Each structure stands twice: as C-alpha cells, then as structure tokens.
Amino acid sequence: MSKNSKQTDAEASQKNDPSSSASSADSKEQKQDAAAPKENASIETLQQDLEKFRDLALRSQADLANFRKRMTREREDAVRYANASLVEELLPVIDNFELGLDAAKKSEEAKNITVGFEMVLRQIHDFLRSQHVETIDAEGAVFDPNLHDAVAQEASEEAPEGTVLKQVRKGYKLRDRLIRPAAVVVSKGKAVDSQ
C-alpha cells in the first residue's frame, strides 16, 4: 500500500468512527478548560496590579498637591515674618532708648532734649506699627503664659490672683506671632497673715 492510501484509510476510519472524533474534540475542550483557570488567574492578577497602581497614582497626586500647598504656605510665612529677626535685634535698643528717655525726663536741664527724643521714639513706634509689630500691654490684664513672662509675684489687696500688677518689660508681636513676651509681676492675691 502506498502512503497516500494509508492516510486516506486512517482518515476514513476516523470519519466512520464517531468515538475517535469525539475524543479529539474532548481533548481540545480539556486543553481549553485547563488554560481557562490560568487565564482567569492572570486576568485577576492584572486587575489587582491595576488597582494597586491606580491607588498609588492617586496617593502620589494627593501628596504632590499637599506638598505644593505646604510650600506656598511656607513661602507666604517667610515673606510675612521676614523682619522678625530684625525686630528681635531692635527691641533691646528701643528698651534702652526708653529707659534713657525716662531718666532724662527726671532732669530739669534735659527737658528740651527729651521733647526731641520723644518725637524720635514716636517715629520708631509708628514704623514698627507699619511693619505689623504690636506692643503687648499687660498691666491690669489676666496673666497669659502665651503672652507674658512672670518674673515675680506680689500680694495685692486690690488685684485678684493671676492679674498682672506691673509690666517690667514690654512684649511684642509680629502679626500673630510672639516676638518677645512681656515681663510682668503677677498678683498672688491678698496677703495671708502668718500669726
């Protein structure tokens, strides 16, 4: 028999034998069924990766937006409080100027000079106000540890406990930021007799 006749006989027997064609179809279905779970697992893995990277991208965008806002806020603060160190250095000079002026007011011979120095001091305070520097006037106020620095306590018949009796040194704020707390003497209330 020739080769061609063997092939045609085999093909004819496959065509005539329904079990052989069913078995080849079954084997194809089994291969497809075996590949389906692998494909499904692969798709699920890809979907999980997609969700993970989508979440990562959203978080990165949020972090970048927060970073930009923080940088803008810090830049604005740097501009708003740029003069803070200059004001801090200037405050002791102003304190000494005021002390000298107070001493000069007590002298009869320096009365004419004190008028000029008072004008200069007024100009200094006007300049500080124009730069958003405010003095903290503490005398008579309730002691606030955020604004005041207690240097002493004294008994007082008039002032209730926790009230500022005297301001020893002025405090200053630049906008809403404390530059230097006011040094104050605080009342401890009525004196207690120790008899």
N, C-alpha and C. Protein backbone atom coordinates (compact mmCIF):
# COMPACT_ATOMS: atom_id res chain seq x y z
N MET A 1 0.83 -1.16 0.00
CA MET A 1 0.00 0.00 0.00
C MET A 1 0.87 1.22 0.00
N SER A 2 0.33 2.18 -0.62
CA SER A 2 1.11 3.41 -0.69
C SER A 2 0.78 4.28 0.52
N LYS A 3 1.58 5.25 0.67
CA LYS A 3 1.47 6.16 1.80
C LYS A 3 0.14 6.90 1.75
N ASN A 4 -0.25 7.36 0.63
CA ASN A 4 -1.49 8.11 0.46
C ASN A 4 -2.70 7.26 0.81
N SER A 5 -2.64 6.02 0.46
CA SER A 5 -3.78 5.16 0.74
C SER A 5 -3.89 4.89 2.23
N LYS A 6 -2.73 4.86 2.97
CA LYS A 6 -2.75 4.67 4.42
C LYS A 6 -3.40 5.88 5.08
N GLN A 7 -3.06 7.07 4.60
CA GLN A 7 -3.64 8.28 5.18
C GLN A 7 -5.14 8.33 4.93
N THR A 8 -5.54 8.03 3.76
CA THR A 8 -6.96 8.08 3.45
C THR A 8 -7.71 7.02 4.22
N ASP A 9 -7.10 5.84 4.44
CA ASP A 9 -7.75 4.81 5.25
C ASP A 9 -7.90 5.30 6.69
N ALA A 10 -6.87 5.96 7.22
CA ALA A 10 -6.92 6.45 8.61
C ALA A 10 -7.97 7.54 8.73
N GLU A 11 -8.01 8.41 7.71
CA GLU A 11 -8.99 9.49 7.73
C GLU A 11 -10.39 8.91 7.62
N ALA A 12 -10.53 7.92 6.79
CA ALA A 12 -11.85 7.30 6.61
C ALA A 12 -12.27 6.61 7.88
N SER A 13 -11.33 5.96 8.56
CA SER A 13 -11.70 5.25 9.80
C SER A 13 -12.06 6.26 10.87
N GLN A 14 -11.39 7.43 10.88
CA GLN A 14 -11.73 8.47 11.87
C GLN A 14 -13.11 9.04 11.57
N LYS A 15 -13.40 9.22 10.28
CA LYS A 15 -14.70 9.76 9.90
C LYS A 15 -15.79 8.76 10.24
N ASN A 16 -15.52 7.50 10.01
CA ASN A 16 -16.51 6.47 10.28
C ASN A 16 -16.62 6.17 11.76
N ASP A 17 -15.55 6.38 12.55
CA ASP A 17 -15.54 6.06 13.98
C ASP A 17 -15.89 7.31 14.77
N PRO A 18 -17.12 7.41 15.25
CA PRO A 18 -17.52 8.63 15.99
C PRO A 18 -16.77 8.77 17.31
N SER A 19 -16.31 7.73 17.91
CA SER A 19 -15.63 7.81 19.20
C SER A 19 -14.28 8.50 19.04
N SER A 20 -13.61 8.30 17.92
CA SER A 20 -12.31 8.93 17.74
C SER A 20 -12.45 10.43 17.53
N SER A 21 -13.49 10.86 16.81
CA SER A 21 -13.67 12.30 16.60
C SER A 21 -14.13 12.95 17.90
N ALA A 22 -14.91 12.30 18.71
CA ALA A 22 -15.36 12.84 19.99
C ALA A 22 -14.19 12.95 20.94
N SER A 23 -13.30 11.97 20.88
CA SER A 23 -12.16 12.01 21.79
C SER A 23 -11.23 13.16 21.42
N SER A 24 -11.08 13.47 20.14
CA SER A 24 -10.22 14.59 19.75
C SER A 24 -10.88 15.91 20.15
N ALA A 25 -12.20 16.01 20.06
CA ALA A 25 -12.92 17.22 20.48
C ALA A 25 -12.82 17.37 21.99
N ASP A 26 -12.95 16.24 22.70
CA ASP A 26 -12.81 16.28 24.16
C ASP A 26 -11.43 16.74 24.57
N SER A 27 -10.43 16.26 23.87
CA SER A 27 -9.06 16.64 24.23
C SER A 27 -8.85 18.14 23.99
N LYS A 28 -9.48 18.69 22.94
CA LYS A 28 -9.36 20.12 22.68
C LYS A 28 -10.07 20.91 23.79
N GLU A 29 -11.25 20.46 24.21
CA GLU A 29 -12.00 21.12 25.28
C GLU A 29 -11.23 21.05 26.59
N GLN A 30 -10.61 19.88 26.85
CA GLN A 30 -9.84 19.74 28.09
C GLN A 30 -8.66 20.70 28.11
N LYS A 31 -8.02 20.86 26.95
CA LYS A 31 -6.90 21.80 26.87
C LYS A 31 -7.39 23.23 27.12
N GLN A 32 -8.57 23.55 26.54
CA GLN A 32 -9.12 24.89 26.73
C GLN A 32 -9.55 25.08 28.18
N ASP A 33 -10.17 24.04 28.78
CA ASP A 33 -10.60 24.13 30.17
C ASP A 33 -9.39 24.28 31.10
N ALA A 34 -8.30 23.62 30.79
CA ALA A 34 -7.09 23.71 31.60
C ALA A 34 -6.47 25.10 31.47
N ALA A 35 -6.57 25.71 30.29
CA ALA A 35 -5.99 27.03 30.06
C ALA A 35 -6.86 28.13 30.67
N ALA A 36 -8.17 27.90 30.80
CA ALA A 36 -9.09 28.92 31.30
C ALA A 36 -8.75 29.37 32.73
N PRO A 37 -8.50 28.48 33.69
CA PRO A 37 -8.16 28.94 35.04
C PRO A 37 -6.86 29.75 35.05
N LYS A 38 -5.91 29.36 34.20
CA LYS A 38 -4.65 30.10 34.15
C LYS A 38 -4.90 31.51 33.62
N GLU A 39 -5.75 31.62 32.61
CA GLU A 39 -6.08 32.93 32.04
C GLU A 39 -6.84 33.77 33.06
N ASN A 40 -7.80 33.15 33.75
CA ASN A 40 -8.58 33.87 34.76
C ASN A 40 -7.67 34.36 35.89
N ALA A 41 -6.76 33.52 36.33
CA ALA A 41 -5.82 33.91 37.38
C ALA A 41 -4.93 35.04 36.89
N SER A 42 -4.53 34.95 35.66
CA SER A 42 -3.70 36.00 35.08
C SER A 42 -4.46 37.32 34.99
N ILE A 43 -5.71 37.27 34.59
CA ILE A 43 -6.55 38.47 34.50
C ILE A 43 -6.77 39.08 35.88
N GLU A 44 -7.05 38.23 36.86
CA GLU A 44 -7.25 38.72 38.23
C GLU A 44 -5.98 39.39 38.77
N THR A 45 -4.84 38.78 38.49
CA THR A 45 -3.57 39.37 38.93
C THR A 45 -3.35 40.72 38.27
N LEU A 46 -3.65 40.80 37.00
CA LEU A 46 -3.50 42.07 36.28
C LEU A 46 -4.47 43.12 36.83
N GLN A 47 -5.69 42.73 37.14
CA GLN A 47 -6.66 43.67 37.70
C GLN A 47 -6.22 44.17 39.08
N GLN A 48 -5.66 43.26 39.88
CA GLN A 48 -5.16 43.66 41.20
C GLN A 48 -3.99 44.64 41.06
N ASP A 49 -3.11 44.34 40.13
CA ASP A 49 -1.98 45.24 39.88
C ASP A 49 -2.48 46.60 39.40
N LEU A 50 -3.48 46.58 38.52
CA LEU A 50 -4.04 47.83 38.01
C LEU A 50 -4.62 48.65 39.15
N GLU A 51 -5.38 48.02 40.04
CA GLU A 51 -5.95 48.74 41.19
C GLU A 51 -4.86 49.28 42.10
N LYS A 52 -3.82 48.46 42.32
CA LYS A 52 -2.72 48.89 43.19
C LYS A 52 -2.02 50.11 42.59
N PHE A 53 -1.75 50.10 41.31
CA PHE A 53 -1.05 51.21 40.68
C PHE A 53 -1.96 52.44 40.55
N ARG A 54 -3.25 52.22 40.36
CA ARG A 54 -4.20 53.34 40.32
C ARG A 54 -4.22 54.03 41.69
N ASP A 55 -4.27 53.23 42.76
CA ASP A 55 -4.26 53.77 44.11
C ASP A 55 -2.95 54.52 44.38
N LEU A 56 -1.85 53.94 43.95
CA LEU A 56 -0.55 54.58 44.11
C LEU A 56 -0.49 55.91 43.37
N ALA A 57 -1.04 55.96 42.18
CA ALA A 57 -1.06 57.20 41.39
C ALA A 57 -1.90 58.26 42.09
N LEU A 58 -3.06 57.87 42.62
CA LEU A 58 -3.92 58.83 43.33
C LEU A 58 -3.24 59.36 44.58
N ARG A 59 -2.59 58.47 45.32
CA ARG A 59 -1.87 58.90 46.53
C ARG A 59 -0.72 59.85 46.17
N SER A 60 -0.03 59.53 45.10
CA SER A 60 1.08 60.39 44.66
C SER A 60 0.58 61.77 44.26
N GLN A 61 -0.56 61.82 43.57
CA GLN A 61 -1.14 63.11 43.20
C GLN A 61 -1.54 63.90 44.44
N ALA A 62 -2.12 63.22 45.42
CA ALA A 62 -2.53 63.90 46.65
C ALA A 62 -1.30 64.41 47.41
N ASP A 63 -0.25 63.59 47.47
CA ASP A 63 0.99 64.01 48.14
C ASP A 63 1.59 65.23 47.46
N LEU A 64 1.58 65.25 46.14
CA LEU A 64 2.12 66.38 45.39
C LEU A 64 1.29 67.63 45.65
N ALA A 65 -0.02 67.50 45.67
CA ALA A 65 -0.89 68.66 45.93
C ALA A 65 -0.64 69.19 47.34
N ASN A 66 -0.50 68.30 48.32
CA ASN A 66 -0.21 68.72 49.70
C ASN A 66 1.16 69.39 49.80
N PHE A 67 2.13 68.86 49.09
CA PHE A 67 3.47 69.44 49.07
C PHE A 67 3.43 70.86 48.51
N ARG A 68 2.69 71.05 47.42
CA ARG A 68 2.58 72.38 46.81
C ARG A 68 1.92 73.36 47.77
N LYS A 69 0.85 72.92 48.44
CA LYS A 69 0.17 73.80 49.40
C LYS A 69 1.10 74.17 50.55
N ARG A 70 1.85 73.18 51.05
CA ARG A 70 2.77 73.44 52.16
C ARG A 70 3.87 74.41 51.73
N MET A 71 4.40 74.23 50.53
CA MET A 71 5.44 75.14 50.03
C MET A 71 4.90 76.56 49.87
N THR A 72 3.69 76.70 49.37
CA THR A 72 3.06 78.01 49.22
C THR A 72 2.88 78.67 50.59
N ARG A 73 2.39 77.89 51.56
CA ARG A 73 2.19 78.42 52.91
C ARG A 73 3.52 78.83 53.54
N GLU A 74 4.55 78.00 53.38
CA GLU A 74 5.86 78.33 53.95
C GLU A 74 6.46 79.56 53.28
N ARG A 75 6.25 79.70 51.98
CA ARG A 75 6.76 80.88 51.26
C ARG A 75 6.06 82.14 51.76
N GLU A 76 4.73 82.05 51.94
CA GLU A 76 3.97 83.19 52.45
C GLU A 76 4.42 83.56 53.86
N ASP A 77 4.64 82.54 54.71
CA ASP A 77 5.12 82.80 56.07
C ASP A 77 6.50 83.44 56.06
N ALA A 78 7.35 82.98 55.17
CA ALA A 78 8.70 83.55 55.09
C ALA A 78 8.63 85.03 54.72
N VAL A 79 7.72 85.39 53.84
CA VAL A 79 7.57 86.80 53.46
C VAL A 79 6.93 87.58 54.61
N ARG A 80 5.90 87.01 55.24
CA ARG A 80 5.20 87.71 56.33
C ARG A 80 6.09 87.96 57.53
N TYR A 81 6.97 87.02 57.82
CA TYR A 81 7.79 87.12 59.03
C TYR A 81 9.26 87.34 58.73
N ALA A 82 9.55 87.89 57.57
CA ALA A 82 10.94 88.11 57.16
C ALA A 82 11.65 89.09 58.09
N ASN A 83 10.92 90.04 58.66
CA ASN A 83 11.53 91.06 59.52
C ASN A 83 11.63 90.64 60.98
N ALA A 84 11.24 89.44 61.30
CA ALA A 84 11.20 89.01 62.71
C ALA A 84 12.57 89.11 63.37
N SER A 85 13.60 88.64 62.71
CA SER A 85 14.93 88.68 63.35
C SER A 85 15.42 90.11 63.50
N LEU A 86 15.11 90.98 62.54
CA LEU A 86 15.48 92.40 62.64
C LEU A 86 14.78 93.04 63.83
N VAL A 87 13.49 92.77 63.99
CA VAL A 87 12.73 93.33 65.11
C VAL A 87 13.30 92.81 66.43
N GLU A 88 13.62 91.53 66.51
CA GLU A 88 14.19 90.97 67.74
C GLU A 88 15.49 91.68 68.13
N GLU A 89 16.32 91.98 67.15
CA GLU A 89 17.58 92.69 67.41
C GLU A 89 17.34 94.14 67.80
N LEU A 90 16.28 94.73 67.30
CA LEU A 90 15.99 96.14 67.53
C LEU A 90 15.34 96.38 68.90
N LEU A 91 14.66 95.40 69.45
CA LEU A 91 13.91 95.59 70.70
C LEU A 91 14.79 96.01 71.89
N PRO A 92 15.95 95.41 72.13
CA PRO A 92 16.78 95.89 73.24
C PRO A 92 17.23 97.34 73.06
N VAL A 93 17.45 97.75 71.81
CA VAL A 93 17.84 99.14 71.55
C VAL A 93 16.69 100.08 71.92
N ILE A 94 15.48 99.70 71.55
CA ILE A 94 14.30 100.50 71.90
C ILE A 94 14.11 100.55 73.41
N ASP A 95 14.30 99.40 74.08
CA ASP A 95 14.19 99.36 75.55
C ASP A 95 15.17 100.35 76.19
N ASN A 96 16.41 100.31 75.74
CA ASN A 96 17.43 101.20 76.32
C ASN A 96 17.11 102.66 75.99
N PHE A 97 16.62 102.93 74.81
CA PHE A 97 16.24 104.29 74.43
C PHE A 97 15.13 104.81 75.36
N GLU A 98 14.12 103.96 75.62
CA GLU A 98 13.02 104.35 76.52
C GLU A 98 13.51 104.57 77.94
N LEU A 99 14.41 103.71 78.42
CA LEU A 99 14.97 103.90 79.77
C LEU A 99 15.75 105.20 79.86
N GLY A 100 16.54 105.49 78.86
CA GLY A 100 17.29 106.75 78.84
C GLY A 100 16.36 107.95 78.79
N LEU A 101 15.31 107.86 78.03
CA LEU A 101 14.33 108.95 77.93
C LEU A 101 13.63 109.16 79.27
N ASP A 102 13.25 108.06 79.94
CA ASP A 102 12.61 108.18 81.26
C ASP A 102 13.56 108.84 82.26
N ALA A 103 14.83 108.48 82.21
CA ALA A 103 15.81 109.09 83.13
C ALA A 103 16.00 110.57 82.80
N ALA A 104 16.01 110.91 81.52
CA ALA A 104 16.20 112.30 81.12
C ALA A 104 15.01 113.16 81.51
N LYS A 105 13.81 112.59 81.55
CA LYS A 105 12.62 113.35 81.93
C LYS A 105 12.69 113.82 83.38
N LYS A 106 13.43 113.11 84.20
CA LYS A 106 13.55 113.46 85.62
C LYS A 106 14.50 114.64 85.84
N SER A 107 15.29 114.95 84.86
CA SER A 107 16.25 116.05 84.99
C SER A 107 15.64 117.33 84.41
N GLU A 108 15.74 118.42 85.17
CA GLU A 108 15.22 119.71 84.72
C GLU A 108 16.02 120.25 83.54
N GLU A 109 17.31 119.98 83.51
CA GLU A 109 18.18 120.53 82.47
C GLU A 109 17.93 119.87 81.10
N ALA A 110 17.41 118.65 81.08
CA ALA A 110 17.26 117.92 79.82
C ALA A 110 15.85 117.97 79.26
N LYS A 111 14.99 118.84 79.78
CA LYS A 111 13.58 118.88 79.33
C LYS A 111 13.47 119.18 77.85
N ASN A 112 14.26 120.09 77.33
CA ASN A 112 14.17 120.44 75.91
C ASN A 112 14.62 119.28 75.02
N ILE A 113 15.61 118.57 75.48
CA ILE A 113 16.13 117.44 74.69
C ILE A 113 15.13 116.29 74.69
N THR A 114 14.45 116.08 75.81
CA THR A 114 13.50 114.96 75.90
C THR A 114 12.36 115.12 74.91
N VAL A 115 11.96 116.35 74.61
CA VAL A 115 10.89 116.56 73.63
C VAL A 115 11.32 116.00 72.27
N GLY A 116 12.54 116.24 71.87
CA GLY A 116 13.05 115.72 70.60
C GLY A 116 13.15 114.21 70.62
N PHE A 117 13.62 113.66 71.74
CA PHE A 117 13.74 112.20 71.85
C PHE A 117 12.36 111.52 71.87
N GLU A 118 11.36 112.18 72.46
CA GLU A 118 10.01 111.63 72.45
C GLU A 118 9.47 111.56 71.02
N MET A 119 9.80 112.57 70.22
CA MET A 119 9.39 112.56 68.81
C MET A 119 10.05 111.41 68.06
N VAL A 120 11.34 111.19 68.34
CA VAL A 120 12.06 110.09 67.70
C VAL A 120 11.44 108.74 68.12
N LEU A 121 11.14 108.60 69.41
CA LEU A 121 10.54 107.36 69.91
C LEU A 121 9.17 107.14 69.26
N ARG A 122 8.39 108.20 69.09
CA ARG A 122 7.08 108.08 68.44
C ARG A 122 7.25 107.61 66.99
N GLN A 123 8.28 108.14 66.31
CA GLN A 123 8.55 107.70 64.94
C GLN A 123 8.93 106.22 64.89
N ILE A 124 9.72 105.79 65.85
CA ILE A 124 10.12 104.38 65.91
C ILE A 124 8.87 103.50 66.09
N HIS A 125 8.00 103.88 67.02
CA HIS A 125 6.79 103.09 67.26
C HIS A 125 5.86 103.12 66.05
N ASP A 126 5.77 104.26 65.37
CA ASP A 126 4.96 104.33 64.14
C ASP A 126 5.51 103.40 63.07
N PHE A 127 6.84 103.39 62.95
CA PHE A 127 7.48 102.50 61.97
C PHE A 127 7.18 101.03 62.31
N LEU A 128 7.30 100.68 63.58
CA LEU A 128 7.03 99.30 63.99
C LEU A 128 5.58 98.92 63.69
N ARG A 129 4.64 99.82 63.96
CA ARG A 129 3.23 99.54 63.64
C ARG A 129 3.03 99.34 62.14
N SER A 130 3.74 100.14 61.34
CA SER A 130 3.60 99.99 59.88
C SER A 130 4.14 98.64 59.40
N GLN A 131 5.04 98.05 60.19
CA GLN A 131 5.59 96.73 59.87
C GLN A 131 4.82 95.62 60.58
N HIS A 132 3.64 95.94 61.12
CA HIS A 132 2.74 95.00 61.79
C HIS A 132 3.30 94.47 63.10
N VAL A 133 4.11 95.29 63.77
CA VAL A 133 4.64 94.94 65.09
C VAL A 133 3.75 95.64 66.12
N GLU A 134 3.23 94.87 67.07
CA GLU A 134 2.35 95.41 68.10
C GLU A 134 2.99 95.21 69.46
N THR A 135 2.77 96.18 70.35
CA THR A 135 3.23 96.01 71.73
C THR A 135 2.17 95.25 72.50
N ILE A 136 2.59 94.51 73.49
CA ILE A 136 1.67 93.79 74.36
C ILE A 136 1.57 94.58 75.65
N ASP A 137 0.43 95.19 75.86
CA ASP A 137 0.20 95.95 77.09
C ASP A 137 -0.43 95.00 78.10
N ALA A 138 0.33 94.65 79.11
CA ALA A 138 -0.10 93.59 80.01
C ALA A 138 -0.65 94.11 81.34
N GLU A 139 -0.35 95.34 81.72
CA GLU A 139 -0.73 95.82 83.04
C GLU A 139 -2.24 95.79 83.22
N GLY A 140 -2.69 95.12 84.28
CA GLY A 140 -4.11 95.02 84.58
C GLY A 140 -4.80 93.84 83.90
N ALA A 141 -4.11 93.19 82.98
CA ALA A 141 -4.70 92.05 82.26
C ALA A 141 -4.53 90.76 83.08
N VAL A 142 -5.30 89.77 82.73
CA VAL A 142 -5.15 88.45 83.34
C VAL A 142 -3.88 87.81 82.78
N PHE A 143 -3.10 87.20 83.65
CA PHE A 143 -1.83 86.59 83.22
C PHE A 143 -2.10 85.52 82.17
N ASP A 144 -1.39 85.63 81.05
CA ASP A 144 -1.49 84.67 79.96
C ASP A 144 -0.09 84.16 79.67
N PRO A 145 0.20 82.89 79.96
CA PRO A 145 1.56 82.38 79.75
C PRO A 145 1.99 82.38 78.28
N ASN A 146 1.05 82.53 77.36
CA ASN A 146 1.40 82.61 75.95
C ASN A 146 1.93 83.98 75.57
N LEU A 147 1.60 85.00 76.37
CA LEU A 147 2.00 86.38 76.06
C LEU A 147 2.88 87.01 77.13
N HIS A 148 2.84 86.47 78.34
CA HIS A 148 3.53 87.08 79.47
C HIS A 148 4.58 86.13 80.06
N ASP A 149 5.61 86.74 80.60
CA ASP A 149 6.67 86.00 81.30
C ASP A 149 6.68 86.53 82.73
N ALA A 150 6.24 85.73 83.69
CA ALA A 150 6.17 86.17 85.09
C ALA A 150 7.58 86.17 85.68
N VAL A 151 8.01 87.35 86.13
CA VAL A 151 9.34 87.46 86.74
C VAL A 151 9.24 87.51 88.26
N ALA A 152 8.03 87.83 88.77
CA ALA A 152 7.83 87.88 90.22
C ALA A 152 6.34 87.79 90.53
N GLN A 153 6.05 87.49 91.81
CA GLN A 153 4.67 87.50 92.31
C GLN A 153 4.63 88.38 93.55
N GLU A 154 3.57 89.14 93.67
CA GLU A 154 3.40 90.01 94.83
C GLU A 154 1.97 89.89 95.34
N ALA A 155 1.82 90.07 96.64
CA ALA A 155 0.48 90.09 97.22
C ALA A 155 -0.16 91.44 96.91
N SER A 156 -1.47 91.43 96.71
CA SER A 156 -2.18 92.66 96.39
C SER A 156 -3.59 92.60 96.97
N GLU A 157 -3.97 93.68 97.63
CA GLU A 157 -5.31 93.77 98.20
C GLU A 157 -6.34 94.09 97.12
N GLU A 158 -5.92 94.84 96.08
CA GLU A 158 -6.87 95.28 95.06
C GLU A 158 -7.01 94.28 93.91
N ALA A 159 -5.91 93.73 93.47
CA ALA A 159 -5.94 92.87 92.27
C ALA A 159 -6.14 91.40 92.67
N PRO A 160 -7.04 90.71 91.97
CA PRO A 160 -7.23 89.28 92.26
C PRO A 160 -6.01 88.46 91.81
N GLU A 161 -5.95 87.26 92.30
CA GLU A 161 -4.85 86.37 91.95
C GLU A 161 -4.82 86.13 90.44
N GLY A 162 -3.61 86.16 89.87
CA GLY A 162 -3.44 85.90 88.43
C GLY A 162 -3.53 87.15 87.58
N THR A 163 -3.65 88.32 88.20
CA THR A 163 -3.72 89.57 87.46
C THR A 163 -2.33 90.19 87.39
N VAL A 164 -2.00 90.79 86.27
CA VAL A 164 -0.69 91.44 86.09
C VAL A 164 -0.72 92.77 86.84
N LEU A 165 0.22 92.92 87.80
CA LEU A 165 0.32 94.16 88.56
C LEU A 165 1.18 95.20 87.86
N LYS A 166 2.32 94.78 87.38
CA LYS A 166 3.26 95.69 86.71
C LYS A 166 3.86 95.01 85.49
N GLN A 167 4.19 95.84 84.54
CA GLN A 167 4.92 95.36 83.37
C GLN A 167 6.35 95.85 83.51
N VAL A 168 7.28 94.92 83.61
CA VAL A 168 8.69 95.27 83.78
C VAL A 168 9.33 95.57 82.43
N ARG A 169 8.95 94.81 81.44
CA ARG A 169 9.48 95.00 80.08
C ARG A 169 8.36 94.73 79.09
N LYS A 170 8.28 95.55 78.04
CA LYS A 170 7.22 95.40 77.04
C LYS A 170 7.41 94.11 76.24
N GLY A 171 6.28 93.56 75.84
CA GLY A 171 6.30 92.41 74.94
C GLY A 171 5.89 92.87 73.55
N TYR A 172 6.27 92.09 72.54
CA TYR A 172 5.97 92.47 71.15
C TYR A 172 5.52 91.26 70.36
N LYS A 173 4.60 91.53 69.43
CA LYS A 173 4.13 90.51 68.48
C LYS A 173 4.32 91.05 67.07
N LEU A 174 4.71 90.17 66.17
CA LEU A 174 4.75 90.49 64.74
C LEU A 174 3.58 89.75 64.11
N ARG A 175 2.60 90.51 63.67
CA ARG A 175 1.32 89.97 63.20
C ARG A 175 0.72 89.11 64.31
N ASP A 176 0.61 87.82 64.11
CA ASP A 176 0.04 86.96 65.16
C ASP A 176 1.11 86.12 65.86
N ARG A 177 2.37 86.38 65.57
CA ARG A 177 3.46 85.59 66.15
C ARG A 177 4.15 86.39 67.26
N LEU A 178 4.35 85.74 68.39
CA LEU A 178 5.02 86.38 69.52
C LEU A 178 6.51 86.53 69.23
N ILE A 179 7.01 87.77 69.38
CA ILE A 179 8.44 88.01 69.20
C ILE A 179 9.13 87.93 70.56
N ARG A 180 8.52 88.62 71.55
CA ARG A 180 9.08 88.61 72.90
C ARG A 180 7.93 88.75 73.88
N PRO A 181 7.85 87.88 74.90
CA PRO A 181 6.77 88.01 75.88
C PRO A 181 7.02 89.22 76.79
N ALA A 182 5.96 89.76 77.31
CA ALA A 182 6.08 90.87 78.26
C ALA A 182 6.53 90.31 79.61
N ALA A 183 7.54 90.93 80.21
CA ALA A 183 7.99 90.52 81.54
C ALA A 183 7.11 91.23 82.55
N VAL A 184 6.45 90.46 83.42
CA VAL A 184 5.44 91.03 84.30
C VAL A 184 5.58 90.53 85.74
N VAL A 185 4.98 91.32 86.65
CA VAL A 185 4.83 90.93 88.05
C VAL A 185 3.36 90.59 88.23
N VAL A 186 3.09 89.39 88.78
CA VAL A 186 1.73 88.88 88.87
C VAL A 186 1.26 88.89 90.32
N SER A 187 -0.02 89.18 90.50
CA SER A 187 -0.62 89.18 91.83
C SER A 187 -0.83 87.76 92.31
N LYS A 188 -0.53 87.56 93.61
CA LYS A 188 -0.87 86.26 94.19
C LYS A 188 -2.08 86.37 95.12
N GLY A 189 -2.78 87.47 95.00
CA GLY A 189 -3.99 87.68 95.80
C GLY A 189 -3.68 88.40 97.09
N LYS A 190 -4.63 88.34 97.99
CA LYS A 190 -4.48 89.02 99.28
C LYS A 190 -3.40 88.36 100.11
N ALA A 191 -2.69 89.19 100.84
CA ALA A 191 -1.62 88.68 101.72
C ALA A 191 -2.23 87.89 102.85
N VAL A 192 -1.65 86.78 103.17
CA VAL A 192 -2.13 85.93 104.26
C VAL A 192 -1.29 86.26 105.51
N ASP A 193 -1.99 86.61 106.60
CA ASP A 193 -1.28 86.91 107.85
C ASP A 193 -0.76 85.61 108.45
N SER A 194 0.49 85.62 108.82
CA SER A 194 1.08 84.41 109.40
C SER A 194 1.35 84.64 110.86
N GLN A 195 0.28 84.70 111.69
CA GLN A 195 0.42 84.94 113.14
C GLN A 195 0.19 83.71 113.92
